[in-house]
């Protein structure tokens, strides 16, 4: 029955959540918050230069289902590429935790946080890439100017 499923799957993530912590200043760290129905999830992803999630941590203020959804989401993203993470749907989280319909907003919170964190990573990475490209252009121009003046 449903109560046995919740006990076997959902309660361990609620009572002993995995990755409930924060990541301190690390390279390729993205940080975001998502809000749903009064619950708040702060998700941090440590992403390798190759775009693979190396670590994930969360802080959630909400009910046990929101905490369980957050915990499971961090487990699901680890080791995946950012594109693979974008394929994670709230329905997967809800099904795995056997969430009742009244608690589906908790799995949506986790999906929202994953998407927001990856969008933040992409935005920051694009800014970083643009800065690197500008530095390379400036270096090439300086080299060309030195060569021309010789």
N, C-alpha and C. Protein backbone atom coordinates (compact mmCIF):
# COMPACT_ATOMS: atom_id res chain seq x y z
N UNK A 1 0.81 -1.20 0.00
CA UNK A 1 0.00 0.00 0.00
C UNK A 1 0.85 1.26 0.00
N UNK A 2 0.17 2.39 -0.19
CA UNK A 2 0.86 3.67 -0.28
C UNK A 2 1.66 3.99 0.97
N UNK A 3 1.12 3.69 2.14
CA UNK A 3 1.83 4.00 3.38
C UNK A 3 3.16 3.26 3.47
N UNK A 4 3.22 2.04 2.96
CA UNK A 4 4.48 1.28 2.96
C UNK A 4 5.47 1.89 2.00
N UNK A 5 4.98 2.37 0.85
CA UNK A 5 5.85 3.01 -0.13
C UNK A 5 6.45 4.28 0.46
N UNK A 6 5.61 5.10 1.10
CA UNK A 6 6.11 6.33 1.72
C UNK A 6 7.14 6.02 2.79
N UNK A 7 6.89 4.99 3.56
CA UNK A 7 7.84 4.63 4.61
C UNK A 7 9.16 4.16 4.03
N UNK A 8 9.08 3.43 2.93
CA UNK A 8 10.29 2.86 2.34
C UNK A 8 11.10 3.90 1.56
N UNK A 9 10.44 4.87 0.96
CA UNK A 9 11.14 5.81 0.07
C UNK A 9 11.16 7.23 0.61
N UNK A 10 10.00 7.78 0.87
CA UNK A 10 9.91 9.19 1.22
C UNK A 10 10.41 9.55 2.59
N UNK A 11 10.12 8.74 3.56
CA UNK A 11 10.49 9.09 4.93
C UNK A 11 12.00 9.14 5.12
N UNK A 12 12.78 8.20 4.56
CA UNK A 12 14.24 8.35 4.72
C UNK A 12 14.77 9.68 4.17
N UNK A 13 14.23 10.13 3.03
CA UNK A 13 14.68 11.41 2.48
C UNK A 13 14.19 12.57 3.34
N UNK A 14 13.05 12.41 4.01
CA UNK A 14 12.53 13.47 4.87
C UNK A 14 13.27 13.50 6.20
N UNK A 15 13.45 12.35 6.80
CA UNK A 15 14.06 12.30 8.12
C UNK A 15 15.58 12.38 8.10
N UNK A 16 16.20 11.82 7.08
CA UNK A 16 17.65 11.86 6.93
C UNK A 16 18.00 12.37 5.54
N UNK A 17 17.71 13.63 5.27
CA UNK A 17 17.95 14.14 3.92
C UNK A 17 19.43 14.09 3.54
N UNK A 18 19.66 13.79 2.29
CA UNK A 18 21.02 13.76 1.76
C UNK A 18 21.38 15.14 1.24
N UNK A 19 22.61 15.57 1.45
CA UNK A 19 23.14 16.81 0.88
C UNK A 19 22.51 18.08 1.44
N UNK A 20 21.98 18.02 2.65
CA UNK A 20 21.43 19.22 3.28
C UNK A 20 22.58 19.99 3.91
N UNK A 21 23.12 20.93 3.15
CA UNK A 21 24.30 21.66 3.58
C UNK A 21 24.49 22.82 2.62
N UNK A 22 25.64 23.46 2.69
CA UNK A 22 25.98 24.48 1.72
C UNK A 22 27.37 24.20 1.18
N UNK A 23 27.59 24.63 -0.04
CA UNK A 23 28.92 24.56 -0.64
C UNK A 23 29.58 25.92 -0.44
N UNK A 24 30.80 25.91 -0.02
CA UNK A 24 31.51 27.16 0.15
C UNK A 24 32.18 27.54 -1.16
N UNK A 25 32.75 28.68 -1.19
CA UNK A 25 33.32 29.25 -2.40
C UNK A 25 34.14 28.22 -3.20
N UNK A 26 33.56 27.77 -4.27
CA UNK A 26 34.25 26.86 -5.18
C UNK A 26 34.03 27.36 -6.60
N UNK A 27 34.89 26.96 -7.48
CA UNK A 27 34.78 27.37 -8.88
C UNK A 27 33.60 26.64 -9.53
N UNK A 28 32.93 27.31 -10.44
CA UNK A 28 31.79 26.76 -11.16
C UNK A 28 30.65 26.41 -10.22
N UNK A 29 30.42 27.29 -9.26
CA UNK A 29 29.33 27.10 -8.32
C UNK A 29 28.15 27.95 -8.78
N UNK A 30 27.00 27.37 -8.82
CA UNK A 30 25.80 28.13 -9.10
C UNK A 30 24.90 28.05 -7.89
N UNK A 31 24.14 29.07 -7.68
CA UNK A 31 23.36 29.20 -6.46
C UNK A 31 22.02 29.81 -6.83
N UNK A 32 20.95 29.19 -6.41
CA UNK A 32 19.64 29.73 -6.76
C UNK A 32 18.62 29.40 -5.69
N UNK A 33 17.53 30.11 -5.72
CA UNK A 33 16.39 29.83 -4.85
C UNK A 33 15.15 29.65 -5.70
N UNK A 34 14.29 28.77 -5.29
CA UNK A 34 12.99 28.57 -5.95
C UNK A 34 11.92 28.61 -4.88
N UNK A 35 10.78 29.17 -5.23
CA UNK A 35 9.69 29.33 -4.27
C UNK A 35 8.43 28.69 -4.83
N UNK A 36 7.72 27.94 -4.03
CA UNK A 36 6.43 27.35 -4.43
C UNK A 36 5.59 27.16 -3.18
N UNK A 37 4.39 27.67 -3.22
CA UNK A 37 3.40 27.43 -2.15
C UNK A 37 3.96 27.67 -0.75
N UNK A 38 4.83 28.67 -0.63
CA UNK A 38 5.39 28.98 0.68
C UNK A 38 6.65 28.23 1.04
N UNK A 39 7.03 27.22 0.27
CA UNK A 39 8.27 26.49 0.51
C UNK A 39 9.39 27.18 -0.25
N UNK A 40 10.59 27.14 0.30
CA UNK A 40 11.75 27.76 -0.33
C UNK A 40 12.87 26.74 -0.39
N UNK A 41 13.47 26.59 -1.55
CA UNK A 41 14.61 25.68 -1.72
C UNK A 41 15.79 26.47 -2.27
N UNK A 42 16.89 26.42 -1.57
CA UNK A 42 18.13 27.00 -2.06
C UNK A 42 18.98 25.84 -2.55
N UNK A 43 19.35 25.85 -3.81
CA UNK A 43 20.12 24.77 -4.42
C UNK A 43 21.46 25.30 -4.89
N UNK A 44 22.51 24.59 -4.56
CA UNK A 44 23.85 24.93 -5.03
C UNK A 44 24.40 23.73 -5.79
N UNK A 45 24.92 24.01 -6.98
CA UNK A 45 25.54 22.96 -7.80
C UNK A 45 27.00 23.32 -8.04
N UNK A 46 27.85 22.34 -7.89
CA UNK A 46 29.26 22.49 -8.26
C UNK A 46 29.40 21.77 -9.59
N UNK A 47 29.74 22.54 -10.62
CA UNK A 47 29.74 22.01 -11.99
C UNK A 47 31.16 22.06 -12.54
N UNK A 48 31.60 20.96 -13.12
CA UNK A 48 32.95 20.87 -13.68
C UNK A 48 33.03 21.73 -14.95
N UNK A 49 34.26 22.03 -15.41
CA UNK A 49 34.41 22.77 -16.66
C UNK A 49 33.77 22.04 -17.85
N UNK A 50 33.60 20.72 -17.73
CA UNK A 50 32.99 19.94 -18.80
C UNK A 50 31.46 19.95 -18.72
N UNK A 51 30.91 20.61 -17.70
CA UNK A 51 29.47 20.70 -17.56
C UNK A 51 28.82 19.54 -16.84
N UNK A 52 29.57 18.88 -15.96
CA UNK A 52 29.04 17.75 -15.18
C UNK A 52 28.86 18.21 -13.73
N UNK A 53 27.72 17.88 -13.15
CA UNK A 53 27.47 18.25 -11.76
C UNK A 53 28.30 17.34 -10.87
N UNK A 54 29.25 17.94 -10.17
CA UNK A 54 30.15 17.18 -9.31
C UNK A 54 29.60 17.07 -7.88
N UNK A 55 28.84 18.07 -7.46
CA UNK A 55 28.25 18.04 -6.12
C UNK A 55 27.00 18.90 -6.12
N UNK A 56 26.11 18.63 -5.20
CA UNK A 56 24.87 19.38 -5.06
C UNK A 56 24.50 19.44 -3.60
N UNK A 57 24.09 20.60 -3.14
CA UNK A 57 23.67 20.81 -1.76
C UNK A 57 22.39 21.64 -1.77
N UNK A 58 21.61 21.50 -0.71
CA UNK A 58 20.39 22.28 -0.62
C UNK A 58 20.11 22.72 0.80
N UNK A 59 19.32 23.75 0.90
CA UNK A 59 18.69 24.19 2.14
C UNK A 59 17.24 24.42 1.78
N UNK A 60 16.34 23.76 2.46
CA UNK A 60 14.92 23.91 2.18
C UNK A 60 14.18 24.29 3.44
N UNK A 61 13.32 25.29 3.29
CA UNK A 61 12.41 25.69 4.35
C UNK A 61 11.02 25.30 3.88
N UNK A 62 10.47 24.27 4.49
CA UNK A 62 9.16 23.80 4.08
C UNK A 62 8.82 22.50 4.78
N UNK A 63 7.82 21.86 4.25
CA UNK A 63 7.33 20.61 4.83
C UNK A 63 8.27 19.44 4.54
N UNK A 64 7.97 18.31 5.12
CA UNK A 64 8.78 17.11 4.92
C UNK A 64 8.84 16.69 3.47
N UNK A 65 7.76 16.86 2.73
CA UNK A 65 7.76 16.49 1.31
C UNK A 65 8.67 17.40 0.50
N UNK A 66 8.75 18.68 0.86
CA UNK A 66 9.65 19.61 0.17
C UNK A 66 11.10 19.24 0.47
N UNK A 67 11.38 18.88 1.71
CA UNK A 67 12.74 18.47 2.08
C UNK A 67 13.11 17.17 1.37
N UNK A 68 12.18 16.21 1.33
CA UNK A 68 12.44 14.94 0.65
C UNK A 68 12.67 15.17 -0.85
N UNK A 69 11.87 16.04 -1.46
CA UNK A 69 12.03 16.34 -2.89
C UNK A 69 13.38 16.98 -3.16
N UNK A 70 13.79 17.87 -2.29
CA UNK A 70 15.08 18.54 -2.43
C UNK A 70 16.23 17.54 -2.29
N UNK A 71 16.12 16.69 -1.31
CA UNK A 71 17.14 15.67 -1.06
C UNK A 71 17.28 14.75 -2.27
N UNK A 72 16.16 14.27 -2.76
CA UNK A 72 16.19 13.37 -3.92
C UNK A 72 16.73 14.08 -5.15
N UNK A 73 16.35 15.33 -5.35
CA UNK A 73 16.83 16.10 -6.52
C UNK A 73 18.34 16.20 -6.51
N UNK A 74 18.95 16.44 -5.34
CA UNK A 74 20.41 16.54 -5.30
C UNK A 74 21.06 15.21 -5.65
N UNK A 75 20.45 14.12 -5.22
CA UNK A 75 20.98 12.80 -5.58
C UNK A 75 20.84 12.54 -7.08
N UNK A 76 19.75 13.01 -7.66
CA UNK A 76 19.49 12.75 -9.08
C UNK A 76 20.42 13.52 -10.00
N UNK A 77 20.87 14.72 -9.60
CA UNK A 77 21.69 15.54 -10.50
C UNK A 77 23.17 15.18 -10.46
N UNK A 78 23.62 14.61 -9.37
CA UNK A 78 25.05 14.31 -9.24
C UNK A 78 25.52 13.36 -10.33
N UNK A 79 26.63 13.75 -10.98
CA UNK A 79 27.21 12.91 -12.01
C UNK A 79 26.58 13.09 -13.38
N UNK A 80 25.57 13.91 -13.48
CA UNK A 80 24.91 14.14 -14.77
C UNK A 80 25.41 15.42 -15.40
N UNK A 81 25.32 15.48 -16.73
CA UNK A 81 25.63 16.72 -17.43
C UNK A 81 24.49 17.70 -17.20
N UNK A 82 24.74 18.96 -17.49
CA UNK A 82 23.68 19.94 -17.29
C UNK A 82 22.50 19.66 -18.21
N UNK A 83 22.76 19.15 -19.41
CA UNK A 83 21.66 18.80 -20.31
C UNK A 83 20.84 17.63 -19.75
N UNK A 84 21.51 16.66 -19.16
CA UNK A 84 20.80 15.53 -18.55
C UNK A 84 19.96 16.01 -17.35
N UNK A 85 20.49 16.97 -16.61
CA UNK A 85 19.76 17.50 -15.45
C UNK A 85 18.47 18.19 -15.89
N UNK A 86 18.53 18.84 -17.04
CA UNK A 86 17.33 19.51 -17.54
C UNK A 86 16.23 18.53 -17.93
N UNK A 87 16.56 17.27 -18.07
CA UNK A 87 15.57 16.24 -18.41
C UNK A 87 14.84 15.72 -17.17
N UNK A 88 15.32 16.07 -15.99
CA UNK A 88 14.67 15.62 -14.76
C UNK A 88 13.35 16.38 -14.60
N UNK A 89 12.30 15.64 -14.44
CA UNK A 89 10.96 16.22 -14.33
C UNK A 89 10.41 16.04 -12.92
N UNK A 90 9.54 16.94 -12.53
CA UNK A 90 8.93 16.84 -11.21
C UNK A 90 8.13 15.56 -11.07
N UNK A 91 7.62 15.05 -12.18
CA UNK A 91 6.83 13.81 -12.13
C UNK A 91 7.70 12.63 -11.69
N UNK A 92 8.98 12.62 -12.10
CA UNK A 92 9.89 11.56 -11.67
C UNK A 92 10.10 11.61 -10.16
N UNK A 93 10.32 12.83 -9.67
CA UNK A 93 10.55 13.01 -8.24
C UNK A 93 9.31 12.60 -7.46
N UNK A 94 8.16 13.08 -7.90
CA UNK A 94 6.89 12.77 -7.22
C UNK A 94 6.61 11.28 -7.22
N UNK A 95 6.87 10.63 -8.35
CA UNK A 95 6.63 9.19 -8.44
C UNK A 95 7.57 8.42 -7.51
N UNK A 96 8.84 8.79 -7.53
CA UNK A 96 9.83 8.11 -6.70
C UNK A 96 9.49 8.23 -5.22
N UNK A 97 9.00 9.40 -4.82
CA UNK A 97 8.67 9.63 -3.41
C UNK A 97 7.23 9.26 -3.08
N UNK A 98 6.47 8.89 -4.10
CA UNK A 98 5.04 8.57 -3.92
C UNK A 98 4.29 9.72 -3.26
N UNK A 99 4.52 10.93 -3.79
CA UNK A 99 3.87 12.11 -3.22
C UNK A 99 2.38 12.12 -3.55
N UNK A 100 1.55 12.46 -2.61
CA UNK A 100 0.12 12.59 -2.90
C UNK A 100 -0.11 13.86 -3.72
N UNK A 101 -1.23 13.95 -4.43
CA UNK A 101 -1.49 15.12 -5.29
C UNK A 101 -1.36 16.47 -4.57
N UNK A 102 -1.73 16.53 -3.31
CA UNK A 102 -1.66 17.79 -2.57
C UNK A 102 -0.21 18.24 -2.33
N UNK A 103 0.74 17.35 -2.52
CA UNK A 103 2.16 17.66 -2.29
C UNK A 103 2.97 17.75 -3.58
N UNK A 104 2.32 17.76 -4.73
CA UNK A 104 3.06 17.82 -5.99
C UNK A 104 3.85 19.12 -6.15
N UNK A 105 3.41 20.18 -5.48
CA UNK A 105 4.15 21.44 -5.57
C UNK A 105 5.58 21.27 -5.03
N UNK A 106 5.79 20.29 -4.16
CA UNK A 106 7.12 20.06 -3.60
C UNK A 106 8.09 19.53 -4.66
N UNK A 107 7.60 18.61 -5.50
CA UNK A 107 8.45 18.10 -6.57
C UNK A 107 8.65 19.18 -7.64
N UNK A 108 7.64 20.04 -7.84
CA UNK A 108 7.77 21.15 -8.79
C UNK A 108 8.82 22.14 -8.30
N UNK A 109 8.87 22.33 -6.98
CA UNK A 109 9.88 23.20 -6.38
C UNK A 109 11.28 22.71 -6.73
N UNK A 110 11.49 21.40 -6.60
CA UNK A 110 12.80 20.83 -6.89
C UNK A 110 13.15 20.99 -8.37
N UNK A 111 12.19 20.72 -9.26
CA UNK A 111 12.46 20.90 -10.69
C UNK A 111 12.76 22.36 -11.01
N UNK A 112 11.98 23.27 -10.43
CA UNK A 112 12.22 24.71 -10.64
C UNK A 112 13.64 25.09 -10.21
N UNK A 113 14.06 24.57 -9.06
CA UNK A 113 15.39 24.90 -8.54
C UNK A 113 16.49 24.36 -9.44
N UNK A 114 16.33 23.15 -9.96
CA UNK A 114 17.32 22.58 -10.87
C UNK A 114 17.43 23.45 -12.11
N UNK A 115 16.30 23.79 -12.70
CA UNK A 115 16.29 24.61 -13.92
C UNK A 115 16.89 26.00 -13.68
N UNK A 116 16.54 26.60 -12.55
CA UNK A 116 17.06 27.92 -12.23
C UNK A 116 18.57 27.88 -11.99
N UNK A 117 19.05 26.85 -11.32
CA UNK A 117 20.49 26.73 -11.06
C UNK A 117 21.26 26.57 -12.36
N UNK A 118 20.73 25.78 -13.27
CA UNK A 118 21.41 25.57 -14.55
C UNK A 118 21.36 26.84 -15.40
N UNK A 119 20.23 27.54 -15.37
CA UNK A 119 20.15 28.82 -16.09
C UNK A 119 21.17 29.80 -15.54
N UNK A 120 21.33 29.82 -14.21
CA UNK A 120 22.32 30.69 -13.57
C UNK A 120 23.73 30.29 -14.01
N UNK A 121 24.01 29.00 -14.03
CA UNK A 121 25.32 28.52 -14.47
C UNK A 121 25.59 28.95 -15.91
N UNK A 122 24.62 28.75 -16.78
CA UNK A 122 24.81 29.11 -18.19
C UNK A 122 25.04 30.60 -18.34
N UNK A 123 24.28 31.41 -17.60
CA UNK A 123 24.46 32.86 -17.66
C UNK A 123 25.86 33.24 -17.20
N UNK A 124 26.28 32.69 -16.07
CA UNK A 124 27.61 33.01 -15.55
C UNK A 124 28.71 32.50 -16.47
N UNK A 125 28.51 31.32 -17.02
CA UNK A 125 29.52 30.74 -17.90
C UNK A 125 29.63 31.55 -19.19
N UNK A 126 28.50 32.02 -19.71
CA UNK A 126 28.54 32.85 -20.91
C UNK A 126 29.26 34.15 -20.63
N UNK A 127 28.99 34.76 -19.45
CA UNK A 127 29.69 35.99 -19.07
C UNK A 127 31.19 35.74 -18.98
N UNK A 128 31.57 34.62 -18.38
CA UNK A 128 32.97 34.26 -18.23
C UNK A 128 33.62 34.02 -19.59
N UNK A 129 32.92 33.31 -20.48
CA UNK A 129 33.44 33.06 -21.82
C UNK A 129 33.61 34.34 -22.60
N UNK A 130 32.67 35.27 -22.47
CA UNK A 130 32.76 36.55 -23.16
C UNK A 130 33.96 37.34 -22.66
N UNK A 131 34.21 37.30 -21.35
CA UNK A 131 35.37 38.00 -20.78
C UNK A 131 36.67 37.37 -21.28
N UNK A 132 36.71 36.03 -21.35
CA UNK A 132 37.91 35.35 -21.86
C UNK A 132 38.16 35.70 -23.32
N UNK A 133 37.09 35.73 -24.12
CA UNK A 133 37.23 36.07 -25.54
C UNK A 133 37.73 37.50 -25.70
N UNK A 134 37.20 38.41 -24.89
CA UNK A 134 37.64 39.81 -24.96
C UNK A 134 39.11 39.93 -24.58
N UNK A 135 39.54 39.18 -23.58
CA UNK A 135 40.95 39.21 -23.15
C UNK A 135 41.85 38.66 -24.26
N UNK A 136 41.39 37.60 -24.96
CA UNK A 136 42.18 37.04 -26.05
C UNK A 136 42.29 38.02 -27.21
N UNK A 137 41.22 38.72 -27.52
CA UNK A 137 41.24 39.72 -28.59
C UNK A 137 42.18 40.86 -28.22
N UNK A 138 42.13 41.31 -26.97
CA UNK A 138 43.01 42.38 -26.52
C UNK A 138 44.47 41.95 -26.58
N UNK A 139 44.74 40.72 -26.18
CA UNK A 139 46.12 40.21 -26.22
C UNK A 139 46.61 40.11 -27.66
N UNK A 140 45.76 39.64 -28.55
CA UNK A 140 46.14 39.54 -29.96
C UNK A 140 46.38 40.92 -30.56
N UNK A 141 45.56 41.89 -30.19
CA UNK A 141 45.73 43.26 -30.69
C UNK A 141 47.04 43.85 -30.18
N UNK A 142 47.35 43.60 -28.90
CA UNK A 142 48.61 44.11 -28.33
C UNK A 142 49.81 43.48 -29.01
N UNK A 143 49.73 42.19 -29.30
CA UNK A 143 50.81 41.49 -30.00
C UNK A 143 50.98 42.05 -31.40
N UNK A 144 49.87 42.26 -32.07
CA UNK A 144 49.92 42.81 -33.44
C UNK A 144 50.51 44.21 -33.44
N UNK A 145 50.16 45.01 -32.44
CA UNK A 145 50.67 46.37 -32.36
C UNK A 145 52.17 46.37 -32.09
N UNK A 146 52.64 45.47 -31.22
CA UNK A 146 54.08 45.38 -30.93
C UNK A 146 54.83 44.94 -32.18
N UNK A 147 54.27 43.98 -32.91
CA UNK A 147 54.91 43.47 -34.12
C UNK A 147 54.99 44.57 -35.17
N UNK A 148 53.94 45.34 -35.31
CA UNK A 148 53.88 46.41 -36.31
C UNK A 148 54.85 47.52 -35.98
N UNK A 149 55.09 47.80 -34.71
CA UNK A 149 55.99 48.90 -34.33
C UNK A 149 57.46 48.49 -34.38
N UNK A 150 57.75 47.23 -34.61
CA UNK A 150 59.15 46.80 -34.65
C UNK A 150 59.73 46.94 -36.01
